[in-house]
Amino acid sequence: MPTRIMDCWNRIGVQGDGSCPQLEQYVHCRNCPVYAAAAVALLDRAPPPGYLADWTHHYAQEQAAEQVDVLSVFIFRIGVEWLALPTPTFAEVAELRSIHSLPNRRSGVVLGLTNVRGELLVCVSLGTVLGLDTPESNRDRQRIAQRRLLVIGGDGERMAFPVDEVHGIHRIDLHDLKEVPGTVARATAPYSKAIFAWQQNTVGLLNERLLLHTLSRSLG
């Protein structure tokens, strides 16, 4: 009897209900060693009897209805503001590292280039886009160990931006989302589509499409 591959990514991972505790560390299943080990095991094993027939039947079935009332988001902090983006927007979380400035770049959005696991990525300032850049305080200098580099986008469009703190993945009920109040800073408001309460904080849910479009234009 061939060994059955544990496809946890389809049940509790990014393609499932997002409840896997390892997602807080790895952000996406493709970064998890369990996913990599399953891929190796799948390639090494011989196809079992009826393999093609079974998968043909599987994909012919109607997919179970997804929970449309729950949203998986990734929460992080820039300055004093807690923000969130839909989890699929992120590729990985990396340690904060050196950022090498680029000549003839004066917009303030593009910080430079940084190396993430051997890949050179453009590093941008999300705080500048959102109007959240503030002078560094003594408290922030003391919490430098909490800073991270977040990588967003897909193949060929990946970029990174530094944040002051990362919470990780959080699942929210869509009914808990509130309209953005008029008191939100004018620079931030166009990129915010809702707010929600989390651990006695108010988190701004950003419009990922508009934000990625703005960041991509800044690279031109």
Protein backbone atom coordinates (compact mmCIF):
# COMPACT_ATOMS: atom_id res chain seq x y z
CA MET A 1 0.00 0.00 0.00
CA PRO A 2 1.62 3.32 -1.02
CA THR A 3 2.11 5.95 1.67
CA ARG A 4 -0.55 8.63 1.63
CA ILE A 5 0.76 12.19 1.25
CA MET A 6 -0.38 14.53 4.06
CA ASP A 7 -1.89 17.46 2.15
CA CYS A 8 -2.33 19.74 5.16
CA TRP A 9 -2.12 22.84 2.94
CA ASN A 10 -5.50 21.91 1.44
CA ARG A 11 -7.12 21.56 4.86
CA ILE A 12 -5.56 24.00 7.32
CA GLY A 13 -3.15 25.92 5.07
CA VAL A 14 -3.62 28.81 2.62
CA GLN A 15 -5.86 26.67 0.41
CA GLY A 16 -7.86 25.50 3.41
CA ASP A 17 -9.22 27.35 6.42
CA GLY A 18 -5.90 29.02 7.32
CA SER A 19 -5.89 27.63 10.87
CA CYS A 20 -2.40 26.04 10.74
CA PRO A 21 -0.25 27.53 13.55
CA GLN A 22 2.86 27.29 11.33
CA LEU A 23 1.45 29.97 9.01
CA GLU A 24 2.40 32.60 11.58
CA GLN A 25 6.06 31.72 10.97
CA TYR A 26 6.06 30.74 7.28
CA VAL A 27 3.24 33.03 5.97
CA HIS A 28 2.61 30.72 2.98
CA CYS A 29 2.57 26.92 2.73
CA ARG A 30 5.19 26.91 -0.02
CA ASN A 31 7.73 28.23 2.53
CA CYS A 32 7.00 25.41 5.01
CA PRO A 33 9.32 22.37 5.23
CA VAL A 34 6.28 20.07 5.53
CA TYR A 35 5.14 21.21 2.07
CA ALA A 36 8.63 20.66 0.62
CA ALA A 37 8.90 17.19 2.17
CA ALA A 38 5.50 16.23 0.77
CA ALA A 39 6.59 17.33 -2.71
CA VAL A 40 9.70 15.15 -2.55
CA ALA A 41 7.70 12.17 -1.30
CA LEU A 42 5.13 12.64 -4.07
CA LEU A 43 7.80 12.70 -6.78
CA ASP A 44 9.55 9.63 -5.37
CA ARG A 45 6.55 7.33 -5.07
CA ALA A 46 5.06 5.22 -7.84
CA PRO A 47 1.52 6.14 -8.97
CA PRO A 48 -0.99 3.90 -7.18
CA PRO A 49 -3.58 1.84 -9.07
CA GLY A 50 -6.48 3.96 -10.24
CA TYR A 51 -4.54 7.20 -9.69
CA LEU A 52 -5.74 8.97 -12.86
CA ALA A 53 -9.32 7.79 -12.42
CA ASP A 54 -9.42 8.96 -8.80
CA TRP A 55 -8.15 12.45 -9.55
CA THR A 56 -10.39 12.79 -12.59
CA HIS A 57 -13.36 12.04 -10.33
CA HIS A 58 -12.05 14.43 -7.64
CA TYR A 59 -11.81 17.43 -9.94
CA ALA A 60 -15.17 16.63 -11.50
CA GLN A 61 -16.90 17.14 -8.15
CA GLU A 62 -18.34 20.46 -7.08
CA GLN A 63 -16.05 22.21 -4.64
CA ALA A 64 -17.38 22.75 -1.15
CA ALA A 65 -18.60 26.27 -0.54
CA GLU A 66 -15.92 28.43 1.06
CA GLN A 67 -16.51 30.47 4.18
CA VAL A 68 -17.28 33.78 2.49
CA ASP A 69 -17.85 35.49 5.82
CA VAL A 70 -14.26 35.04 7.07
CA LEU A 71 -11.17 36.85 5.82
CA SER A 72 -7.56 35.85 6.50
CA VAL A 73 -5.31 38.89 6.93
CA PHE A 74 -1.68 39.55 7.87
CA ILE A 75 -1.25 42.18 10.60
CA PHE A 76 1.82 44.40 10.98
CA ARG A 77 2.80 47.77 12.44
CA ILE A 78 4.41 50.85 10.87
CA GLY A 79 5.12 53.60 13.40
CA VAL A 80 2.17 53.64 15.76
CA GLU A 81 -0.33 52.34 13.19
CA TRP A 82 -1.45 48.70 13.00
CA LEU A 83 -2.28 47.68 9.44
CA ALA A 84 -3.43 44.57 7.61
CA LEU A 85 -3.44 43.13 4.11
CA PRO A 86 -5.10 39.93 2.83
CA THR A 87 -2.79 36.99 3.56
CA PRO A 88 -2.37 35.90 -0.12
CA THR A 89 -0.71 39.27 -0.80
CA PHE A 90 2.40 38.14 1.12
CA ALA A 91 5.15 35.83 -0.05
CA GLU A 92 7.33 35.69 3.07
CA VAL A 93 8.65 37.42 6.18
CA ALA A 94 12.40 38.02 6.39
CA GLU A 95 14.82 39.47 8.91
CA LEU A 96 15.54 43.16 8.42
CA ARG A 97 18.75 43.51 6.41
CA SER A 98 20.90 46.09 4.64
CA ILE A 99 19.19 48.23 2.00
CA HIS A 100 21.45 49.63 -0.72
CA SER A 101 20.27 52.96 -2.11
CA LEU A 102 19.86 53.57 -5.83
CA PRO A 103 21.22 56.62 -7.66
CA ASN A 104 18.80 59.19 -9.08
CA ARG A 105 15.95 58.06 -6.86
CA ARG A 106 14.43 61.00 -5.02
CA SER A 107 10.75 60.10 -4.68
CA GLY A 108 11.25 58.69 -1.18
CA VAL A 109 9.12 55.62 -1.97
CA VAL A 110 11.96 53.48 -3.33
CA LEU A 111 14.50 52.85 -0.58
CA GLY A 112 16.88 50.74 -2.67
CA LEU A 113 17.76 47.08 -3.18
CA THR A 114 17.94 44.33 -0.58
CA ASN A 115 18.99 40.68 -0.72
CA VAL A 116 16.41 38.14 0.42
CA ARG A 117 17.74 34.57 0.30
CA GLY A 118 19.91 35.36 -2.72
CA GLU A 119 17.24 37.30 -4.60
CA LEU A 120 17.69 41.05 -5.13
CA LEU A 121 14.42 42.82 -4.42
CA VAL A 122 13.40 46.44 -4.67
CA CYS A 123 12.70 47.74 -1.17
CA VAL A 124 9.98 50.38 -0.85
CA SER A 125 8.69 52.55 1.97
CA LEU A 126 5.06 51.72 2.64
CA GLY A 127 5.10 54.32 5.38
CA THR A 128 5.91 57.04 2.84
CA VAL A 129 3.04 55.99 0.59
CA LEU A 130 0.62 56.00 3.52
CA GLY A 131 2.01 59.17 5.10
CA LEU A 132 2.99 57.29 8.27
CA ASP A 133 6.70 58.05 8.45
CA THR A 134 7.49 59.59 11.84
CA PRO A 135 10.76 60.47 13.62
CA GLU A 136 12.29 57.47 15.35
CA SER A 137 11.66 57.47 19.09
CA ASN A 138 13.81 56.02 21.87
CA ARG A 139 11.21 53.32 22.37
CA ASP A 140 11.43 52.35 18.68
CA ARG A 141 15.21 52.08 18.90
CA GLN A 142 14.82 49.75 21.85
CA ARG A 143 12.43 47.54 19.86
CA ILE A 144 14.61 47.24 16.75
CA ALA A 145 14.71 43.44 17.19
CA GLN A 146 11.00 43.32 16.34
CA ARG A 147 11.45 44.87 12.91
CA ARG A 148 11.00 42.70 9.85
CA LEU A 149 11.06 42.85 6.06
CA LEU A 150 7.82 41.79 4.36
CA VAL A 151 7.91 40.44 0.81
CA ILE A 152 4.81 40.87 -1.32
CA GLY A 153 3.79 40.09 -4.88
CA GLY A 154 4.22 37.11 -7.18
CA ASP A 155 6.95 35.88 -9.52
CA GLY A 156 8.53 38.75 -11.41
CA GLU A 157 6.71 41.38 -9.34
CA ARG A 158 8.09 40.76 -5.86
CA MET A 159 9.13 43.69 -3.70
CA ALA A 160 9.83 44.22 -0.01
CA PHE A 161 9.08 46.83 2.62
CA PRO A 162 10.27 47.22 6.22
CA VAL A 163 7.84 47.24 9.14
CA ASP A 164 8.36 47.96 12.83
CA GLU A 165 6.56 44.88 14.12
CA VAL A 166 4.78 41.79 12.81
CA HIS A 167 1.87 40.01 14.45
CA GLY A 168 1.14 37.50 11.69
CA ILE A 169 -2.00 35.89 10.36
CA HIS A 170 -5.39 36.67 11.85
CA ARG A 171 -8.85 35.56 10.71
CA ILE A 172 -11.65 38.10 10.99
CA ASP A 173 -15.38 37.92 10.53
CA LEU A 174 -16.39 40.18 7.65
CA HIS A 175 -19.26 41.42 9.82
CA ASP A 176 -16.66 42.93 12.18
CA LEU A 177 -15.28 45.25 9.48
CA LYS A 178 -16.24 48.91 9.91
CA GLU A 179 -16.18 51.85 7.54
CA VAL A 180 -13.09 54.04 7.59
CA PRO A 181 -13.89 57.15 9.68
CA GLY A 182 -13.42 60.61 8.25
CA THR A 183 -10.73 61.33 10.85
CA VAL A 184 -8.24 59.03 9.08
CA ALA A 185 -5.32 60.98 7.62
CA ARG A 186 -5.97 62.05 4.04
CA ALA A 187 -2.80 60.30 2.81
CA THR A 188 -3.92 56.99 4.30
CA ALA A 189 -7.65 57.09 3.54
CA PRO A 190 -7.46 56.24 -0.20
CA TYR A 191 -5.64 53.00 0.62
CA SER A 192 -7.88 51.94 3.52
CA LYS A 193 -11.06 50.05 2.78
CA ALA A 194 -12.10 49.15 6.33
CA ILE A 195 -11.02 49.01 9.96
CA PHE A 196 -11.45 46.34 12.63
CA ALA A 197 -10.71 45.87 16.32
CA TRP A 198 -7.88 43.57 17.39
CA GLN A 199 -6.27 43.24 20.86
CA GLN A 200 -7.48 46.68 21.97
CA ASN A 201 -6.09 48.21 18.78
CA THR A 202 -7.78 49.57 15.67
CA VAL A 203 -6.32 47.97 12.54
CA GLY A 204 -6.60 49.51 9.10
CA LEU A 205 -7.37 46.99 6.34
CA LEU A 206 -5.57 48.22 3.23
CA ASN A 207 -6.79 47.98 -0.36
CA GLU A 208 -4.20 45.55 -1.74
CA ARG A 209 -4.92 46.19 -5.43
CA LEU A 210 -4.62 49.96 -5.18
CA LEU A 211 -1.56 49.69 -2.97
CA LEU A 212 0.27 47.25 -5.27
CA HIS A 213 -0.60 49.43 -8.27
CA THR A 214 0.85 52.50 -6.55
CA LEU A 215 4.00 50.67 -5.49
CA SER A 216 4.50 49.24 -8.99
CA ARG A 217 4.17 52.71 -10.52
CA SER A 218 6.82 54.03 -8.13
CA LEU A 219 9.33 51.60 -9.65
CA GLY A 220 8.99 53.10 -13.11
